[in-house]
Amino acid sequence: MAPERTRREAHPTERAVGIEYYVSDADGIGGRLRESPEDFRVRELEAFDAEPLDADRGSYPELVLRATLRDWDTNDFARRLSDALGVSRERVSWAGTKDKRAVTTQLFTVREVDADDLPEIRGAEIEALGRAGRSLSFGDLAGNAFDIRVADAVDEAPERVAETVRDLRVFAGDGEGSPDGEEAEIVDAPVGVPNYFGQQRFGSRRPVTHFVGLAIVRDDPREAVRLYAGNPAETEPDDTRAARDRVDAAFGLGGSEESGDDSAADDTDDLGADGTGDGDWVACLDAIPGKLRFERSMVHRLADRGVAPDAPPDDEDWWHALEAVPSNLQRLFVNAAQSSLFNRIVSERLRRGLPFDRPVAGDVVCFADGDAPEELYAPDTDRLQHVDADRIDVVSRHCERGRAFVTAPLVGTETELGDGEPGEIERGVLADAGIEPGDFALPGEFDSRGTRRAILLRTDLDVSVAGGDPRFAFALPSGSYATVLLREFTKCGPLDL
């Protein structure tokens, strides 16, 4: 077993989703992201080929366009584009959803329209690129290139950035970690951080999706419904907290004294002497504001069926209520549960001092994606190999050259766990959560076969801290989070990222 070392603890909100530590011990530069959209620039690294614009529309029904958007949520832009074109929103597709408070450049496809039909939309520059025989999907996104400014960093930012870069280079396997160039200009420094799922995966202000997912995997849809529709968070508005308190009361839990609304606490008078809730789902619907439309959909199904609050936890009626939300949200619940377990596995490996840049006996590695753009360190998790003691040296050389990556499981029914100490960590985290791989054999959209994910997020980092706020430029493969890298520099809570 590797020697454990003391590491700097993460923010409490991060620890709730399995992100336990920082890699770098350097003090943070503080600051704020997204003071303006131009402070957060994202450009897709495309893996999608288009035919010329004059290609036959019958064979190539999809118009491929590139849009640079300022302060646009991807879903909102797609809706605005479809409205302007007079077509169904279902005819607009893209490969990756981007944050609103940013300047983003990404591809879209629109079925059965021509380049001459494209409208002018405020805050959007739209360029027709060609035609394609199919629409875009998530697999068409190789990665993203970022250019990010951190506003109002501390005066000691140059020194702290340089110290953090040194720590992250060592973590990536780069010897002593001395960055090239002066402290004010760190160019193409290969750095590495744990490939955590960032806070956005779980919700920044109310991180509950993974708790909902874990309840689903434990075959407790009743608790999953309560956690999603009830279970108020301190960061929510008073009306939202009061509504969730009312749902908790219907389930048999007392109202929150912090909600700022006495009505929620008063409802607990209706609870039975044995703690059973009143099950008044109609009263819950009266309390839930329209903005909580998915919560309303769940509770509406409970009201329609008159579900008793003490019905068995795995009763079909609770599953019926869960399935009131869109299929992508159903999948997100389980994906978030998998992500939180992955984060905990990665954190435990970090606590034990096991390497991330090379394997130990029992690890499972994947090989590099040979078709990825040159600027990416991109894994291909469809190509896995178990590493025994006899192959550590050979596989370590592959990892050093960027040809292989150590992985950890996103647990599902078909996930292969590791052996040795890595396998011990994986099984220990699952045991603590009360979950086994077979538990992911679930109804409908909740079912998941699982996969594995690289544990090291590596990138070539350009940093400028000369004459103003630090700017960070780097590229990450699809599915990895820019904030997971930036948190090492800022040491701020997730709400500040």
Protein backbone atom coordinates (compact mmCIF):
# COMPACT_ATOMS: atom_id res chain seq x y z
CA MET A 1 0.00 0.00 0.00
CA ALA A 2 1.29 3.47 -0.90
CA PRO A 3 2.02 5.89 1.96
CA GLU A 4 -0.85 8.22 2.70
CA ARG A 5 -0.17 11.95 2.72
CA THR A 6 -2.00 14.92 4.11
CA ARG A 7 -3.68 16.93 1.37
CA ARG A 8 -5.51 20.21 1.35
CA GLU A 9 -9.23 19.55 1.87
CA ALA A 10 -11.77 20.66 -0.70
CA HIS A 11 -14.67 23.02 -0.12
CA PRO A 12 -17.53 21.41 1.90
CA THR A 13 -19.91 21.64 -1.08
CA GLU A 14 -17.39 19.73 -3.19
CA ARG A 15 -16.88 17.07 -0.54
CA ALA A 16 -20.61 16.36 -0.65
CA VAL A 17 -20.15 15.11 -4.25
CA GLY A 18 -16.97 13.12 -3.56
CA ILE A 19 -14.35 15.79 -4.39
CA GLU A 20 -12.33 15.55 -1.20
CA TYR A 21 -8.99 17.20 -1.93
CA TYR A 22 -6.86 19.56 -3.95
CA VAL A 23 -3.68 18.34 -5.64
CA SER A 24 -1.79 21.60 -5.14
CA ASP A 25 -0.98 22.88 -1.65
CA ALA A 26 -0.43 26.42 -2.98
CA ASP A 27 -2.70 29.18 -1.73
CA GLY A 28 -5.39 30.24 -4.18
CA ILE A 29 -5.52 33.35 -6.32
CA GLY A 30 -9.22 33.91 -5.51
CA GLY A 31 -11.05 35.99 -8.07
CA ARG A 32 -14.22 35.46 -10.04
CA LEU A 33 -15.12 33.81 -13.34
CA ARG A 34 -17.52 35.18 -15.93
CA GLU A 35 -17.47 38.83 -14.89
CA SER A 36 -18.48 39.24 -18.53
CA PRO A 37 -19.25 36.60 -21.20
CA GLU A 38 -15.94 37.41 -22.94
CA ASP A 39 -14.08 36.19 -19.83
CA PHE A 40 -15.11 32.59 -20.57
CA ARG A 41 -14.52 31.53 -24.18
CA VAL A 42 -15.16 27.98 -25.35
CA ARG A 43 -14.51 26.59 -28.84
CA GLU A 44 -15.54 23.09 -29.80
CA LEU A 45 -12.89 20.79 -31.19
CA GLU A 46 -14.93 19.27 -33.95
CA ALA A 47 -15.04 15.65 -35.07
CA PHE A 48 -17.76 15.96 -37.70
CA ASP A 49 -17.30 16.15 -41.46
CA ALA A 50 -19.61 18.07 -43.78
CA GLU A 51 -20.20 17.89 -47.52
CA PRO A 52 -20.24 21.12 -49.58
CA LEU A 53 -23.25 23.41 -49.27
CA ASP A 54 -24.39 22.50 -52.78
CA ALA A 55 -24.52 18.77 -51.95
CA ASP A 56 -27.81 17.03 -52.79
CA ARG A 57 -30.35 17.88 -50.09
CA GLY A 58 -32.10 14.54 -50.55
CA SER A 59 -28.97 12.62 -49.61
CA TYR A 60 -27.72 15.22 -47.14
CA PRO A 61 -30.79 16.67 -45.41
CA GLU A 62 -28.89 18.28 -42.52
CA LEU A 63 -27.54 21.83 -42.82
CA VAL A 64 -24.31 22.10 -40.79
CA LEU A 65 -23.61 25.49 -39.25
CA ARG A 66 -21.13 26.99 -36.84
CA ALA A 67 -22.49 29.51 -34.33
CA THR A 68 -20.54 31.82 -32.06
CA LEU A 69 -22.89 32.74 -29.22
CA ARG A 70 -22.58 35.46 -26.61
CA ASP A 71 -24.58 34.96 -23.41
CA TRP A 72 -26.76 32.23 -24.92
CA ASP A 73 -27.76 28.98 -23.25
CA THR A 74 -27.48 26.24 -25.89
CA ASN A 75 -31.05 25.01 -25.44
CA ASP A 76 -32.44 28.55 -25.55
CA PHE A 77 -30.52 29.32 -28.74
CA ALA A 78 -31.77 26.13 -30.40
CA ARG A 79 -35.33 27.11 -29.51
CA ARG A 80 -34.80 30.66 -30.84
CA LEU A 81 -33.26 29.34 -34.06
CA SER A 82 -36.08 26.87 -34.69
CA ASP A 83 -38.68 29.58 -34.04
CA ALA A 84 -36.97 31.95 -36.48
CA LEU A 85 -36.82 29.20 -39.11
CA GLY A 86 -40.41 28.15 -38.47
CA VAL A 87 -39.42 24.53 -37.84
CA SER A 88 -39.79 22.10 -34.95
CA ARG A 89 -37.20 22.35 -32.20
CA GLU A 90 -36.60 18.61 -32.72
CA ARG A 91 -34.95 19.40 -36.07
CA VAL A 92 -32.07 21.27 -34.36
CA SER A 93 -29.20 19.17 -32.96
CA TRP A 94 -25.79 19.80 -31.39
CA ALA A 95 -22.97 17.80 -29.83
CA GLY A 96 -22.37 19.57 -26.52
CA THR A 97 -24.32 21.89 -24.21
CA LYS A 98 -22.45 25.06 -23.20
CA ASP A 99 -22.79 27.50 -20.31
CA LYS A 100 -24.78 30.67 -20.91
CA ARG A 101 -22.43 33.23 -19.35
CA ALA A 102 -19.76 32.75 -22.01
CA VAL A 103 -18.76 33.22 -25.63
CA THR A 104 -19.06 29.80 -27.23
CA THR A 105 -18.34 28.49 -30.71
CA GLN A 106 -20.03 25.23 -31.63
CA LEU A 107 -21.66 23.24 -34.40
CA PHE A 108 -25.38 22.73 -34.99
CA THR A 109 -27.29 20.76 -37.58
CA VAL A 110 -30.78 21.71 -38.78
CA ARG A 111 -32.80 19.23 -40.83
CA GLU A 112 -34.44 20.22 -44.12
CA VAL A 113 -33.40 23.86 -44.30
CA ASP A 114 -31.05 25.76 -46.65
CA ALA A 115 -28.26 28.22 -45.92
CA ASP A 116 -30.32 31.06 -47.40
CA ASP A 117 -32.98 30.42 -44.73
CA LEU A 118 -30.67 31.24 -41.80
CA PRO A 119 -31.89 34.20 -39.74
CA GLU A 120 -30.02 36.97 -37.97
CA ILE A 121 -30.16 36.49 -34.20
CA ARG A 122 -28.90 38.99 -31.67
CA GLY A 123 -25.78 37.79 -29.88
CA ALA A 124 -25.11 35.09 -32.48
CA GLU A 125 -22.79 34.86 -35.47
CA ILE A 126 -24.00 32.03 -37.69
CA GLU A 127 -21.97 30.51 -40.55
CA ALA A 128 -23.25 27.77 -42.86
CA LEU A 129 -20.51 25.16 -43.37
CA GLY A 130 -22.09 22.45 -45.50
CA ARG A 131 -24.53 19.54 -45.45
CA ALA A 132 -24.54 16.13 -43.78
CA GLY A 133 -26.46 12.89 -43.99
CA ARG A 134 -27.18 12.75 -40.25
CA SER A 135 -27.65 15.09 -37.32
CA LEU A 136 -25.03 15.86 -34.69
CA SER A 137 -24.87 13.78 -31.52
CA PHE A 138 -22.80 13.79 -28.33
CA GLY A 139 -20.21 11.43 -29.79
CA ASP A 140 -19.31 14.01 -32.44
CA LEU A 141 -17.69 16.29 -29.85
CA ALA A 142 -14.00 15.49 -29.40
CA GLY A 143 -13.39 18.20 -26.83
CA ASN A 144 -13.29 21.90 -26.12
CA ALA A 145 -10.63 24.62 -26.16
CA PHE A 146 -10.93 27.22 -23.39
CA ASP A 147 -9.65 30.76 -22.92
CA ILE A 148 -10.63 31.95 -19.44
CA ARG A 149 -9.91 35.12 -17.47
CA VAL A 150 -10.04 35.18 -13.68
CA ALA A 151 -11.06 38.68 -12.56
CA ASP A 152 -9.94 40.34 -9.33
CA ALA A 153 -7.25 37.82 -8.44
CA VAL A 154 -5.01 38.58 -5.44
CA ASP A 155 -1.82 40.60 -5.88
CA GLU A 156 0.26 37.48 -5.25
CA ALA A 157 -1.31 35.74 -8.25
CA PRO A 158 1.92 35.38 -10.34
CA GLU A 159 3.76 33.55 -7.57
CA ARG A 160 0.76 31.39 -6.62
CA VAL A 161 0.03 30.46 -10.23
CA ALA A 162 3.64 29.40 -10.76
CA GLU A 163 3.63 27.34 -7.56
CA THR A 164 0.37 25.64 -8.53
CA VAL A 165 1.68 24.85 -12.01
CA ARG A 166 4.73 23.20 -10.48
CA ASP A 167 2.51 21.01 -8.30
CA LEU A 168 0.27 20.06 -11.22
CA ARG A 169 3.22 19.20 -13.45
CA VAL A 170 4.55 16.83 -10.81
CA PHE A 171 1.11 15.26 -10.51
CA ALA A 172 1.05 14.76 -14.29
CA GLY A 173 4.36 12.88 -14.06
CA ASP A 174 6.65 15.69 -15.18
CA GLY A 175 9.61 15.24 -12.84
CA GLU A 176 10.36 18.32 -10.75
CA GLY A 177 7.55 20.28 -12.36
CA SER A 178 9.51 23.44 -13.17
CA PRO A 179 7.49 25.44 -15.71
CA ASP A 180 9.12 26.79 -18.85
CA GLY A 181 9.62 30.53 -19.14
CA GLU A 182 9.07 33.30 -16.61
CA GLU A 183 6.46 33.25 -13.85
CA ALA A 184 4.37 35.79 -15.75
CA GLU A 185 4.18 33.64 -18.90
CA ILE A 186 3.83 29.88 -18.47
CA VAL A 187 3.59 28.43 -21.96
CA ASP A 188 2.56 24.89 -22.85
CA ALA A 189 3.13 23.53 -19.37
CA PRO A 190 1.77 19.95 -19.31
CA VAL A 191 -0.29 19.78 -16.11
CA GLY A 192 -2.57 17.22 -14.58
CA VAL A 193 -5.44 17.09 -12.07
CA PRO A 194 -7.82 14.33 -10.98
CA ASN A 195 -10.49 13.92 -13.65
CA TYR A 196 -13.29 14.69 -11.21
CA PHE A 197 -16.84 15.31 -12.33
CA GLY A 198 -17.31 19.00 -11.58
CA GLN A 199 -20.00 20.51 -9.43
CA GLN A 200 -22.13 21.29 -12.52
CA ARG A 201 -22.79 17.56 -12.81
CA PHE A 202 -24.72 17.59 -9.55
CA GLY A 203 -26.11 21.13 -9.31
CA SER A 204 -24.20 24.01 -7.74
CA ARG A 205 -26.94 25.59 -5.62
CA ARG A 206 -28.84 22.40 -4.81
CA PRO A 207 -26.59 19.39 -5.44
CA VAL A 208 -29.10 16.54 -5.10
CA THR A 209 -29.14 14.67 -8.42
CA HIS A 210 -26.60 12.11 -7.21
CA PHE A 211 -28.56 11.47 -4.00
CA VAL A 212 -31.68 10.91 -6.11
CA GLY A 213 -29.72 8.54 -8.33
CA LEU A 214 -28.26 6.60 -5.42
CA ALA A 215 -31.76 6.09 -4.01
CA ILE A 216 -32.89 4.81 -7.42
CA VAL A 217 -29.99 2.36 -7.61
CA ARG A 218 -30.82 1.14 -4.08
CA ASP A 219 -34.34 0.34 -5.37
CA ASP A 220 -35.92 3.07 -3.25
CA PRO A 221 -37.91 5.23 -5.68
CA ARG A 222 -39.98 6.60 -2.78
CA GLU A 223 -36.89 8.26 -1.29
CA ALA A 224 -35.79 9.38 -4.76
CA VAL A 225 -39.08 11.23 -5.24
CA ARG A 226 -38.83 12.81 -1.81
CA LEU A 227 -35.24 13.92 -2.31
CA TYR A 228 -36.08 15.57 -5.61
CA ALA A 229 -39.48 17.12 -4.86
CA GLY A 230 -38.88 17.80 -1.15
CA ASN A 231 -35.55 18.17 0.65
CA PRO A 232 -35.12 22.00 0.66
CA ALA A 233 -31.71 23.65 0.39
CA GLU A 234 -30.66 26.77 2.26
CA THR A 235 -29.61 28.43 -0.99
CA GLU A 236 -33.13 28.31 -2.47
CA PRO A 237 -35.70 31.13 -2.40
CA ASP A 238 -38.21 31.16 0.45
CA ASP A 239 -41.16 30.08 -1.70
CA THR A 240 -39.24 27.11 -3.08
CA ARG A 241 -38.08 25.99 0.36
CA ALA A 242 -41.59 26.31 1.76
CA ALA A 243 -42.94 24.14 -1.08
CA ARG A 244 -40.32 21.47 -0.48
CA ASP A 245 -41.06 21.58 3.24
CA ARG A 246 -44.70 20.88 2.43
CA VAL A 247 -43.68 17.85 0.36
CA ASP A 248 -41.50 16.59 3.21
CA ALA A 249 -44.49 16.99 5.54
CA ALA A 250 -46.60 14.86 3.20
CA PHE A 251 -43.90 12.19 3.44
CA GLY A 252 -43.81 12.39 7.23
CA LEU A 253 -40.84 14.69 7.78
CA GLY A 254 -41.15 17.92 9.78
CA GLY A 255 -41.07 21.32 8.07
CA SER A 256 -37.83 23.28 7.93
CA GLU A 257 -37.47 26.01 10.52
CA GLU A 258 -35.19 27.86 8.08
CA SER A 259 -37.71 28.18 5.27
CA GLY A 260 -38.89 31.63 6.33
CA ASP A 261 -42.52 30.49 5.94
CA ASP A 262 -44.47 29.40 9.01
CA SER A 263 -47.00 27.55 6.88
CA ALA A 264 -44.56 24.75 6.16
CA ALA A 265 -43.89 24.12 9.83
CA ASP A 266 -47.60 24.37 10.66
CA ASP A 267 -48.31 21.50 8.26
CA THR A 268 -46.45 19.10 10.53
CA ASP A 269 -49.46 19.24 12.88
CA ASP A 270 -51.21 16.97 10.38
CA LEU A 271 -48.66 14.20 10.75
CA GLY A 272 -49.79 11.00 12.35
CA ALA A 273 -48.59 10.07 15.80
CA ASP A 274 -46.41 7.39 14.28
CA GLY A 275 -44.62 9.91 12.02
CA THR A 276 -46.56 8.96 8.90
CA GLY A 277 -47.12 11.91 6.59
CA ASP A 278 -50.53 13.24 5.67
CA GLY A 279 -50.06 12.32 1.99
CA ASP A 280 -51.94 15.44 0.91
CA TRP A 281 -50.41 15.70 -2.56
CA VAL A 282 -53.07 18.21 -3.66
CA ALA A 283 -51.93 20.58 -0.91
CA CYS A 284 -48.36 20.02 -2.11
CA LEU A 285 -49.36 20.99 -5.64
CA ASP A 286 -50.94 24.16 -4.29
CA ALA A 287 -47.63 24.99 -2.59
CA ILE A 288 -45.22 24.12 -5.42
CA PRO A 289 -44.59 27.12 -7.71
CA GLY A 290 -44.88 26.70 -11.47
CA LYS A 291 -41.13 27.16 -11.97
CA LEU A 292 -40.61 23.74 -10.35
CA ARG A 293 -42.33 22.03 -13.24
CA PHE A 294 -40.61 18.65 -12.89
CA GLU A 295 -41.37 18.50 -9.18
CA ARG A 296 -44.98 19.34 -9.96
CA SER A 297 -45.11 16.56 -12.55
CA MET A 298 -43.92 14.00 -10.01
CA VAL A 299 -46.34 15.10 -7.29
CA HIS A 300 -49.19 15.32 -9.78
CA ARG A 301 -48.79 11.62 -10.50
CA LEU A 302 -48.86 10.87 -6.78
CA ALA A 303 -52.08 12.86 -6.45
CA ASP A 304 -53.69 11.18 -9.47
CA ARG A 305 -53.11 7.74 -8.01
CA GLY A 306 -53.72 8.70 -4.39
CA VAL A 307 -50.43 7.14 -3.34
CA ALA A 308 -50.15 6.52 0.39
CA PRO A 309 -46.99 8.11 1.84
CA ASP A 310 -46.16 4.86 3.63
CA ALA A 311 -46.51 2.71 0.49
CA PRO A 312 -43.57 0.28 0.14
CA PRO A 313 -40.39 2.11 -0.98
CA ASP A 314 -40.15 0.11 -4.21
CA ASP A 315 -43.86 0.29 -5.06
CA GLU A 316 -44.65 0.73 -8.77
CA ASP A 317 -46.45 4.01 -8.02
CA TRP A 318 -43.19 5.62 -6.89
CA TRP A 319 -41.49 4.53 -10.13
CA HIS A 320 -44.44 5.97 -12.03
CA ALA A 321 -43.91 9.33 -10.29
CA LEU A 322 -40.17 9.32 -11.05
CA GLU A 323 -40.87 8.67 -14.71
CA ALA A 324 -42.87 11.92 -14.91
CA VAL A 325 -39.61 13.78 -15.64
CA PRO A 326 -38.03 13.75 -19.13
CA SER A 327 -35.98 10.72 -20.11
CA ASN A 328 -32.73 12.71 -20.19
CA LEU A 329 -33.27 13.73 -16.54
CA GLN A 330 -34.00 10.13 -15.61
CA ARG A 331 -30.64 9.16 -17.10
CA LEU A 332 -28.97 12.13 -15.39
CA PHE A 333 -30.06 10.91 -11.96
CA VAL A 334 -28.26 7.60 -12.44
CA ASN A 335 -25.30 9.20 -14.24
CA ALA A 336 -24.87 11.60 -11.30
CA ALA A 337 -24.86 8.67 -8.87
CA GLN A 338 -22.16 6.97 -10.96
CA SER A 339 -20.22 10.24 -11.08
CA SER A 340 -20.29 10.72 -7.31
CA LEU A 341 -19.03 7.17 -6.77
CA PHE A 342 -16.27 7.79 -9.32
CA ASN A 343 -15.26 10.98 -7.49
CA ARG A 344 -15.07 9.09 -4.20
CA ILE A 345 -12.92 6.36 -5.76
CA VAL A 346 -10.57 8.98 -7.20
CA SER A 347 -10.40 10.86 -3.88
CA GLU A 348 -9.54 7.68 -1.99
CA ARG A 349 -6.77 6.92 -4.48
CA LEU A 350 -5.46 10.44 -3.96
CA ARG A 351 -5.62 10.07 -0.17
CA ARG A 352 -3.64 6.84 -0.32
CA GLY A 353 -0.95 8.39 -2.49
CA LEU A 354 -1.36 6.04 -5.45
CA PRO A 355 -0.10 7.50 -8.76
CA PHE A 356 -2.48 8.89 -11.36
CA ASP A 357 -0.01 9.16 -14.26
CA ARG A 358 0.93 5.47 -14.26
CA PRO A 359 -0.62 2.17 -13.12
CA VAL A 360 -0.05 -0.07 -10.16
CA ALA A 361 -0.78 -3.78 -10.13
CA GLY A 362 -4.52 -4.37 -10.41
CA ASP A 363 -5.30 -1.21 -12.38
CA VAL A 364 -7.34 -1.15 -15.57
CA VAL A 365 -5.99 1.14 -18.28
CA CYS A 366 -7.45 2.35 -21.54
CA PHE A 367 -5.56 3.43 -24.64
CA ALA A 368 -5.49 6.80 -26.36
CA ASP A 369 -8.02 7.82 -28.99
CA GLY A 370 -5.97 7.87 -32.17
CA ASP A 371 -8.56 9.97 -34.01
CA ALA A 372 -8.66 12.81 -31.45
CA PRO A 373 -7.35 16.29 -32.37
CA GLU A 374 -3.65 16.78 -31.67
CA GLU A 375 -4.23 19.27 -28.84
CA LEU A 376 -6.09 16.69 -26.74
CA TYR A 377 -4.92 13.99 -24.36
CA ALA A 378 -7.98 11.89 -25.13
CA PRO A 379 -8.71 8.37 -23.81
CA ASP A 380 -10.66 5.67 -25.64
CA THR A 381 -12.47 3.72 -22.91
CA ASP A 382 -13.65 1.10 -25.39
CA ARG A 383 -10.08 -0.30 -25.36
CA LEU A 384 -9.32 -1.58 -21.86
CA GLN A 385 -6.53 -3.73 -20.44
CA HIS A 386 -5.95 -5.11 -16.94
CA VAL A 387 -2.44 -4.51 -15.60
CA ASP A 388 -0.71 -7.22 -13.59
CA ALA A 389 2.66 -6.93 -11.87
CA ASP A 390 4.53 -8.24 -14.93
CA ARG A 391 3.22 -5.49 -17.22
CA ILE A 392 3.55 -2.40 -15.00
CA ASP A 393 6.77 -1.17 -16.63
CA VAL A 394 5.52 -1.60 -20.19
CA VAL A 395 2.16 0.06 -19.54
CA SER A 396 3.81 2.85 -17.54
CA ARG A 397 5.86 3.75 -20.60
CA HIS A 398 2.67 3.91 -22.66
CA CYS A 399 1.16 6.25 -20.06
CA GLU A 400 4.28 8.43 -20.00
CA ARG A 401 4.01 8.89 -23.78
CA GLY A 402 0.30 9.70 -23.66
CA ARG A 403 -0.69 6.39 -25.23
CA ALA A 404 -2.56 4.97 -22.24
CA PHE A 405 -4.51 6.18 -19.20
CA VAL A 406 -5.29 4.68 -15.81
CA THR A 407 -9.06 4.39 -15.30
CA ALA A 408 -11.67 4.02 -12.57
CA PRO A 409 -15.22 2.71 -12.96
CA LEU A 410 -18.44 4.50 -13.74
CA VAL A 411 -20.22 1.54 -12.22
CA GLY A 412 -22.96 -0.29 -14.10
CA THR A 413 -24.13 -3.82 -14.71
CA GLU A 414 -21.26 -4.67 -17.07
CA THR A 415 -18.44 -2.77 -15.35
CA GLU A 416 -15.24 -4.71 -14.72
CA LEU A 417 -13.66 -3.73 -11.41
CA GLY A 418 -9.93 -3.66 -10.82
CA ASP A 419 -7.77 -5.99 -8.76
CA GLY A 420 -5.19 -5.39 -6.06
CA GLU A 421 -5.32 -2.10 -4.17
CA PRO A 422 -7.26 -0.26 -6.94
CA GLY A 423 -9.93 -2.95 -6.83
CA GLU A 424 -9.98 -2.77 -3.05
CA ILE A 425 -10.69 0.97 -3.28
CA GLU A 426 -13.43 0.49 -5.86
CA ARG A 427 -15.19 -2.24 -3.90
CA GLY A 428 -14.80 -0.34 -0.65
CA VAL A 429 -16.51 2.78 -2.02
CA LEU A 430 -19.36 0.67 -3.41
CA ALA A 431 -19.74 -1.18 -0.12
CA ASP A 432 -19.88 2.10 1.81
CA ALA A 433 -22.66 3.25 -0.54
CA GLY A 434 -24.54 -0.05 -0.18
CA ILE A 435 -24.39 -0.66 -3.93
CA GLU A 436 -23.27 -3.49 -6.22
CA PRO A 437 -22.82 -3.38 -10.02
CA GLY A 438 -25.89 -5.57 -10.52
CA ASP A 439 -28.05 -2.94 -8.82
CA PHE A 440 -27.89 -0.86 -11.99
CA ALA A 441 -30.22 -3.33 -13.74
CA LEU A 442 -33.11 -0.88 -13.52
CA PRO A 443 -36.35 -0.20 -15.39
CA GLY A 444 -36.44 1.92 -18.53
CA GLU A 445 -34.09 4.89 -18.79
CA PHE A 446 -32.61 4.25 -15.35
CA ASP A 447 -30.75 1.13 -16.50
CA SER A 448 -26.99 1.51 -17.05
CA ARG A 449 -24.31 -0.90 -18.22
CA GLY A 450 -21.52 1.39 -16.97
CA THR A 451 -18.06 2.12 -18.36
CA ARG A 452 -14.68 3.33 -17.14
CA ARG A 453 -13.14 6.80 -17.16
CA ALA A 454 -9.57 8.10 -17.11
CA ILE A 455 -8.56 9.30 -13.64
CA LEU A 456 -5.95 11.83 -14.84
CA LEU A 457 -7.05 14.95 -16.69
CA ARG A 458 -3.98 16.19 -18.56
CA THR A 459 -3.60 19.26 -20.74
CA ASP A 460 -0.99 21.66 -22.11
CA LEU A 461 -1.63 24.88 -20.21
CA ASP A 462 -0.83 28.42 -21.30
CA VAL A 463 -1.09 31.00 -18.52
CA SER A 464 -0.55 34.73 -18.67
CA VAL A 465 -0.49 36.81 -15.49
CA ALA A 466 1.43 39.74 -16.92
CA GLY A 467 -0.10 43.17 -16.40
CA GLY A 468 -3.54 42.14 -15.17
CA ASP A 469 -5.83 39.28 -14.30
CA PRO A 470 -4.64 35.73 -15.04
CA ARG A 471 -5.75 34.13 -18.30
CA PHE A 472 -5.74 30.36 -18.77
CA ALA A 473 -5.81 28.66 -22.19
CA PHE A 474 -6.10 24.87 -22.49
CA ALA A 475 -8.02 22.07 -24.22
CA LEU A 476 -9.92 19.20 -22.62
CA PRO A 477 -11.54 16.06 -24.01
CA SER A 478 -15.31 15.77 -24.07
CA GLY A 479 -16.83 15.03 -20.67
CA SER A 480 -14.12 16.79 -18.64
CA TYR A 481 -14.62 20.02 -16.73
CA ALA A 482 -12.67 23.27 -17.02
CA THR A 483 -13.60 24.18 -13.44
CA VAL A 484 -11.86 21.04 -12.16
CA LEU A 485 -8.59 22.52 -13.41
CA LEU A 486 -9.32 26.13 -12.42
CA ARG A 487 -10.33 25.23 -8.84
CA GLU A 488 -6.71 24.24 -8.20
CA PHE A 489 -5.67 27.83 -8.93
CA THR A 490 -8.51 29.76 -7.32
CA LYS A 491 -9.19 27.56 -4.25
CA CYS A 492 -12.71 29.07 -4.29
CA GLY A 493 -16.03 27.39 -3.57
CA PRO A 494 -17.99 26.00 -6.53
CA LEU A 495 -20.49 28.87 -6.54
CA ASP A 496 -17.62 31.24 -7.35
CA LEU A 497 -16.65 29.13 -10.37
